[in-house]
Amino acid sequence: AHTDINTFESSPSKSVHGMPVSFLLDDPRDITGEKVPSEYQWCRKNLLHPSRLAYIGIRQADSAEMETVRKLNISAFDMATIDRIGIHECITTALKKLDPSFSKPIHVSFDIDSMDPSLISCTGTPGTYMTVPNIFSKRRLNDERNIIHCGIDSQY
């Protein structure tokens, strides 16, 4: 639902809540020139390269986040794109870029906020249709990929 790739410099709110991905990436600061504050140096080990990240189902991101996504060449599909080309085409396109050889482990993080409240009443965004079965219904995704983890969470 969100990219959470803001940095201290780019964040309009300066809230750490919207920055966890930027802490883990290797390294958006190469583009922005920002320094990592000392209190967050602990998360600089075992970084994630941007080529190993894709966003499917973005519903809200500010302009600085989307600029970082573009500069880092991260696959990103918003809800309008999903509506236009379909969830399975988005997944297939992202996976081809993430792992063209079908050999790398895949971690899926599913933000429950992307689901319509009629499907799950405690959270959600009206008018969306994302469901876990919808995303994993294409058997090939499960059979041909090395999915080692699927986390279902919410930021709120």
C-alpha atoms as a PDB file:
ATOM      1  CA  ALA A   1       0.000   0.000   0.000  1.00  0.00           C
ATOM      2  CA  HIS A   2       2.877   2.374   0.831  1.00  0.00           C
ATOM      3  CA  THR A   3       6.486   2.413  -0.363  1.00  0.00           C
ATOM      4  CA  ASP A   4       8.004   3.402   3.013  1.00  0.00           C
ATOM      5  CA  ILE A   5      11.163   4.466   1.176  1.00  0.00           C
ATOM      6  CA  ASN A   6      11.358   8.050   2.444  1.00  0.00           C
ATOM      7  CA  THR A   7      14.604   9.282   3.948  1.00  0.00           C
ATOM      8  CA  PHE A   8      15.076  11.857   6.687  1.00  0.00           C
ATOM      9  CA  GLU A   9      15.732  14.515   4.069  1.00  0.00           C
ATOM     10  CA  SER A  10      12.889  13.590   1.714  1.00  0.00           C
ATOM     11  CA  SER A  11      10.099  12.901   4.205  1.00  0.00           C
ATOM     12  CA  PRO A  12       7.489  15.675   4.419  1.00  0.00           C
ATOM     13  CA  SER A  13       6.436  14.494   7.902  1.00  0.00           C
ATOM     14  CA  LYS A  14       9.902  13.406   9.127  1.00  0.00           C
ATOM     15  CA  SER A  15       8.144  10.354  10.591  1.00  0.00           C
ATOM     16  CA  VAL A  16      10.314   7.233  10.805  1.00  0.00           C
ATOM     17  CA  HIS A  17       7.117   5.283  10.097  1.00  0.00           C
ATOM     18  CA  GLY A  18       7.567   5.995   6.369  1.00  0.00           C
ATOM     19  CA  MET A  19      11.294   5.156   6.225  1.00  0.00           C
ATOM     20  CA  PRO A  20      11.948   1.469   7.032  1.00  0.00           C
ATOM     21  CA  VAL A  21      12.692   0.406   3.466  1.00  0.00           C
ATOM     22  CA  SER A  22      15.195   3.230   2.981  1.00  0.00           C
ATOM     23  CA  PHE A  23      17.064   2.039   6.087  1.00  0.00           C
ATOM     24  CA  LEU A  24      17.420  -1.435   4.603  1.00  0.00           C
ATOM     25  CA  LEU A  25      18.373  -0.515   1.056  1.00  0.00           C
ATOM     26  CA  ASP A  26      21.870  -0.498  -0.317  1.00  0.00           C
ATOM     27  CA  ASP A  27      21.793   2.484  -0.679  1.00  0.00           C
ATOM     28  CA  PRO A  28      19.342   5.306  -1.509  1.00  0.00           C
ATOM     29  CA  ARG A  29      21.797   7.741   0.052  1.00  0.00           C
ATOM     30  CA  ASP A  30      24.112   7.104  -2.894  1.00  0.00           C
ATOM     31  CA  ILE A  31      21.529   9.004  -4.908  1.00  0.00           C
ATOM     32  CA  THR A  32      20.346  11.540  -2.343  1.00  0.00           C
ATOM     33  CA  GLY A  33      23.731  12.157  -0.713  1.00  0.00           C
ATOM     34  CA  GLU A  34      22.185  11.816   2.742  1.00  0.00           C
ATOM     35  CA  LYS A  35      24.023  10.397   5.726  1.00  0.00           C
ATOM     36  CA  VAL A  36      22.462   7.732   7.910  1.00  0.00           C
ATOM     37  CA  PRO A  37      21.910   9.110  11.431  1.00  0.00           C
ATOM     38  CA  SER A  38      24.100   7.350  13.996  1.00  0.00           C
ATOM     39  CA  GLU A  39      21.138   5.902  15.900  1.00  0.00           C
ATOM     40  CA  TYR A  40      20.183   3.901  12.787  1.00  0.00           C
ATOM     41  CA  GLN A  41      23.627   2.554  11.889  1.00  0.00           C
ATOM     42  CA  TRP A  42      22.698  -0.840  13.391  1.00  0.00           C
ATOM     43  CA  CYS A  43      20.483  -1.624  10.408  1.00  0.00           C
ATOM     44  CA  ARG A  44      23.249  -1.066   7.830  1.00  0.00           C
ATOM     45  CA  LYS A  45      24.314  -4.731   7.863  1.00  0.00           C
ATOM     46  CA  ASN A  46      22.876  -7.239   5.372  1.00  0.00           C
ATOM     47  CA  LEU A  47      21.373  -4.581   3.168  1.00  0.00           C
ATOM     48  CA  LEU A  48      18.852  -5.179   0.414  1.00  0.00           C
ATOM     49  CA  HIS A  49      19.906  -4.183  -3.087  1.00  0.00           C
ATOM     50  CA  PRO A  50      17.182  -2.173  -4.898  1.00  0.00           C
ATOM     51  CA  SER A  51      17.208  -4.679  -7.777  1.00  0.00           C
ATOM     52  CA  ARG A  52      15.740  -7.213  -5.319  1.00  0.00           C
ATOM     53  CA  LEU A  53      12.685  -5.090  -4.493  1.00  0.00           C
ATOM     54  CA  ALA A  54       9.333  -4.648  -6.222  1.00  0.00           C
ATOM     55  CA  TYR A  55       6.152  -2.883  -5.175  1.00  0.00           C
ATOM     56  CA  ILE A  56       2.785  -4.247  -6.261  1.00  0.00           C
ATOM     57  CA  GLY A  57      -0.358  -2.385  -5.217  1.00  0.00           C
ATOM     58  CA  ILE A  58       0.941   1.060  -4.294  1.00  0.00           C
ATOM     59  CA  ARG A  59      -1.986   3.221  -3.267  1.00  0.00           C
ATOM     60  CA  GLN A  60      -0.191   6.125  -1.655  1.00  0.00           C
ATOM     61  CA  ALA A  61       3.326   7.510  -2.088  1.00  0.00           C
ATOM     62  CA  ASP A  62       4.614  11.046  -2.097  1.00  0.00           C
ATOM     63  CA  SER A  63       6.595  12.518  -4.967  1.00  0.00           C
ATOM     64  CA  ALA A  64       9.992  12.108  -3.258  1.00  0.00           C
ATOM     65  CA  GLU A  65       9.323   8.403  -2.664  1.00  0.00           C
ATOM     66  CA  MET A  66       8.323   7.831  -6.274  1.00  0.00           C
ATOM     67  CA  GLU A  67      11.392   9.747  -7.450  1.00  0.00           C
ATOM     68  CA  THR A  68      13.573   7.418  -5.346  1.00  0.00           C
ATOM     69  CA  VAL A  69      11.752   4.389  -6.778  1.00  0.00           C
ATOM     70  CA  ARG A  70      12.418   5.694 -10.301  1.00  0.00           C
ATOM     71  CA  LYS A  71      16.074   6.565  -9.645  1.00  0.00           C
ATOM     72  CA  LEU A  72      16.735   3.143  -8.121  1.00  0.00           C
ATOM     73  CA  ASN A  73      14.882   1.439 -11.007  1.00  0.00           C
ATOM     74  CA  ILE A  74      12.581  -0.468  -8.631  1.00  0.00           C
ATOM     75  CA  SER A  75       9.611  -2.237 -10.223  1.00  0.00           C
ATOM     76  CA  ALA A  76       6.480  -0.471  -9.019  1.00  0.00           C
ATOM     77  CA  PHE A  77       2.831  -1.091  -9.856  1.00  0.00           C
ATOM     78  CA  ASP A  78       0.131   1.139  -8.418  1.00  0.00           C
ATOM     79  CA  MET A  79      -3.530   0.195  -8.140  1.00  0.00           C
ATOM     80  CA  ALA A  80      -4.360   1.921 -11.456  1.00  0.00           C
ATOM     81  CA  THR A  81      -1.780  -0.256 -13.217  1.00  0.00           C
ATOM     82  CA  ILE A  82      -3.196  -3.378 -11.587  1.00  0.00           C
ATOM     83  CA  ASP A  83      -6.668  -2.359 -12.783  1.00  0.00           C
ATOM     84  CA  ARG A  84      -5.336  -1.749 -16.299  1.00  0.00           C
ATOM     85  CA  ILE A  85      -3.094  -4.807 -16.888  1.00  0.00           C
ATOM     86  CA  GLY A  86      -4.143  -7.183 -14.105  1.00  0.00           C
ATOM     87  CA  ILE A  87      -2.523  -8.446 -10.918  1.00  0.00           C
ATOM     88  CA  HIS A  88      -0.975 -11.511 -12.550  1.00  0.00           C
ATOM     89  CA  GLU A  89       0.754  -9.465 -15.261  1.00  0.00           C
ATOM     90  CA  CYS A  90       2.173  -7.169 -12.570  1.00  0.00           C
ATOM     91  CA  ILE A  91       3.438 -10.141 -10.554  1.00  0.00           C
ATOM     92  CA  THR A  92       4.912 -11.855 -13.616  1.00  0.00           C
ATOM     93  CA  THR A  93       6.668  -8.679 -14.773  1.00  0.00           C
ATOM     94  CA  ALA A  94       8.080  -7.989 -11.308  1.00  0.00           C
ATOM     95  CA  LEU A  95       9.303 -11.565 -10.847  1.00  0.00           C
ATOM     96  CA  LYS A  96      10.998 -11.611 -14.255  1.00  0.00           C
ATOM     97  CA  LYS A  97      12.980  -8.551 -13.221  1.00  0.00           C
ATOM     98  CA  LEU A  98      13.668  -9.729  -9.659  1.00  0.00           C
ATOM     99  CA  ASP A  99      14.747 -13.234 -10.575  1.00  0.00           C
ATOM    100  CA  PRO A 100      15.034 -14.028 -14.282  1.00  0.00           C
ATOM    101  CA  SER A 101      16.795 -17.330 -13.548  1.00  0.00           C
ATOM    102  CA  PHE A 102      14.104 -18.548 -11.108  1.00  0.00           C
ATOM    103  CA  SER A 103      16.862 -19.357  -8.612  1.00  0.00           C
ATOM    104  CA  LYS A 104      16.741 -16.726  -5.868  1.00  0.00           C
ATOM    105  CA  PRO A 105      14.673 -16.894  -2.683  1.00  0.00           C
ATOM    106  CA  ILE A 106      11.599 -14.652  -2.719  1.00  0.00           C
ATOM    107  CA  HIS A 107      10.102 -12.958   0.343  1.00  0.00           C
ATOM    108  CA  VAL A 108       6.569 -11.575   0.012  1.00  0.00           C
ATOM    109  CA  SER A 109       5.311  -8.897   2.366  1.00  0.00           C
ATOM    110  CA  PHE A 110       1.558  -8.404   2.050  1.00  0.00           C
ATOM    111  CA  ASP A 111       0.202  -5.175   3.569  1.00  0.00           C
ATOM    112  CA  ILE A 112      -3.285  -5.926   4.837  1.00  0.00           C
ATOM    113  CA  ASP A 113      -4.165  -2.230   4.376  1.00  0.00           C
ATOM    114  CA  SER A 114      -4.426  -2.955   0.651  1.00  0.00           C
ATOM    115  CA  MET A 115      -7.568  -5.048   1.180  1.00  0.00           C
ATOM    116  CA  ASP A 116     -11.114  -3.739   0.945  1.00  0.00           C
ATOM    117  CA  PRO A 117     -12.804  -3.359   4.378  1.00  0.00           C
ATOM    118  CA  SER A 118     -15.594  -5.674   3.172  1.00  0.00           C
ATOM    119  CA  LEU A 119     -12.975  -8.448   3.131  1.00  0.00           C
ATOM    120  CA  ILE A 120     -11.350  -7.590   6.446  1.00  0.00           C
ATOM    121  CA  SER A 121     -13.133  -5.155   8.726  1.00  0.00           C
ATOM    122  CA  CYS A 122     -10.279  -4.011  10.982  1.00  0.00           C
ATOM    123  CA  THR A 123      -8.359  -2.197   8.253  1.00  0.00           C
ATOM    124  CA  GLY A 124      -8.378  -1.711   4.545  1.00  0.00           C
ATOM    125  CA  THR A 125      -8.963   0.706   1.725  1.00  0.00           C
ATOM    126  CA  PRO A 126     -12.453   0.896   0.197  1.00  0.00           C
ATOM    127  CA  GLY A 127     -12.590  -0.020  -3.469  1.00  0.00           C
ATOM    128  CA  THR A 128      -9.574  -2.312  -3.564  1.00  0.00           C
ATOM    129  CA  TYR A 129      -9.796  -6.009  -4.275  1.00  0.00           C
ATOM    130  CA  MET A 130      -6.430  -7.321  -3.189  1.00  0.00           C
ATOM    131  CA  THR A 131      -6.602 -10.620  -1.342  1.00  0.00           C
ATOM    132  CA  VAL A 132      -3.949 -13.170  -0.512  1.00  0.00           C
ATOM    133  CA  PRO A 133      -5.700 -15.841  -2.634  1.00  0.00           C
ATOM    134  CA  ASN A 134      -5.968 -13.312  -5.485  1.00  0.00           C
ATOM    135  CA  ILE A 135      -2.216 -12.784  -5.450  1.00  0.00           C
ATOM    136  CA  PHE A 136      -1.286 -16.443  -5.074  1.00  0.00           C
ATOM    137  CA  SER A 137      -4.054 -17.938  -7.224  1.00  0.00           C
ATOM    138  CA  LYS A 138      -1.767 -18.312 -10.189  1.00  0.00           C
ATOM    139  CA  ARG A 139      -0.314 -21.735  -9.478  1.00  0.00           C
ATOM    140  CA  ARG A 140       2.895 -20.958 -11.348  1.00  0.00           C
ATOM    141  CA  LEU A 141       3.824 -18.374  -8.737  1.00  0.00           C
ATOM    142  CA  ASN A 142       3.919 -21.057  -6.064  1.00  0.00           C
ATOM    143  CA  ASP A 143       5.254 -23.907  -8.190  1.00  0.00           C
ATOM    144  CA  GLU A 144       8.084 -22.218 -10.062  1.00  0.00           C
ATOM    145  CA  ARG A 145       9.400 -19.715  -7.542  1.00  0.00           C
ATOM    146  CA  ASN A 146      11.379 -20.128  -4.368  1.00  0.00           C
ATOM    147  CA  ILE A 147       9.002 -18.314  -2.016  1.00  0.00           C
ATOM    148  CA  ILE A 148      10.588 -18.745   1.391  1.00  0.00           C
ATOM    149  CA  HIS A 149       8.399 -16.387   3.400  1.00  0.00           C
ATOM    150  CA  CYS A 150       5.111 -14.536   3.172  1.00  0.00           C
ATOM    151  CA  GLY A 151       4.400 -11.976   5.844  1.00  0.00           C
ATOM    152  CA  ILE A 152       0.961 -10.474   6.253  1.00  0.00           C
ATOM    153  CA  ASP A 153       1.059  -7.263   8.226  1.00  0.00           C
ATOM    154  CA  SER A 154      -0.264  -3.775   8.710  1.00  0.00           C
ATOM    155  CA  GLN A 155       1.570  -0.590   9.523  1.00  0.00           C
ATOM    156  CA  TYR A 156      -1.250   0.675  11.734  1.00  0.00           C
END
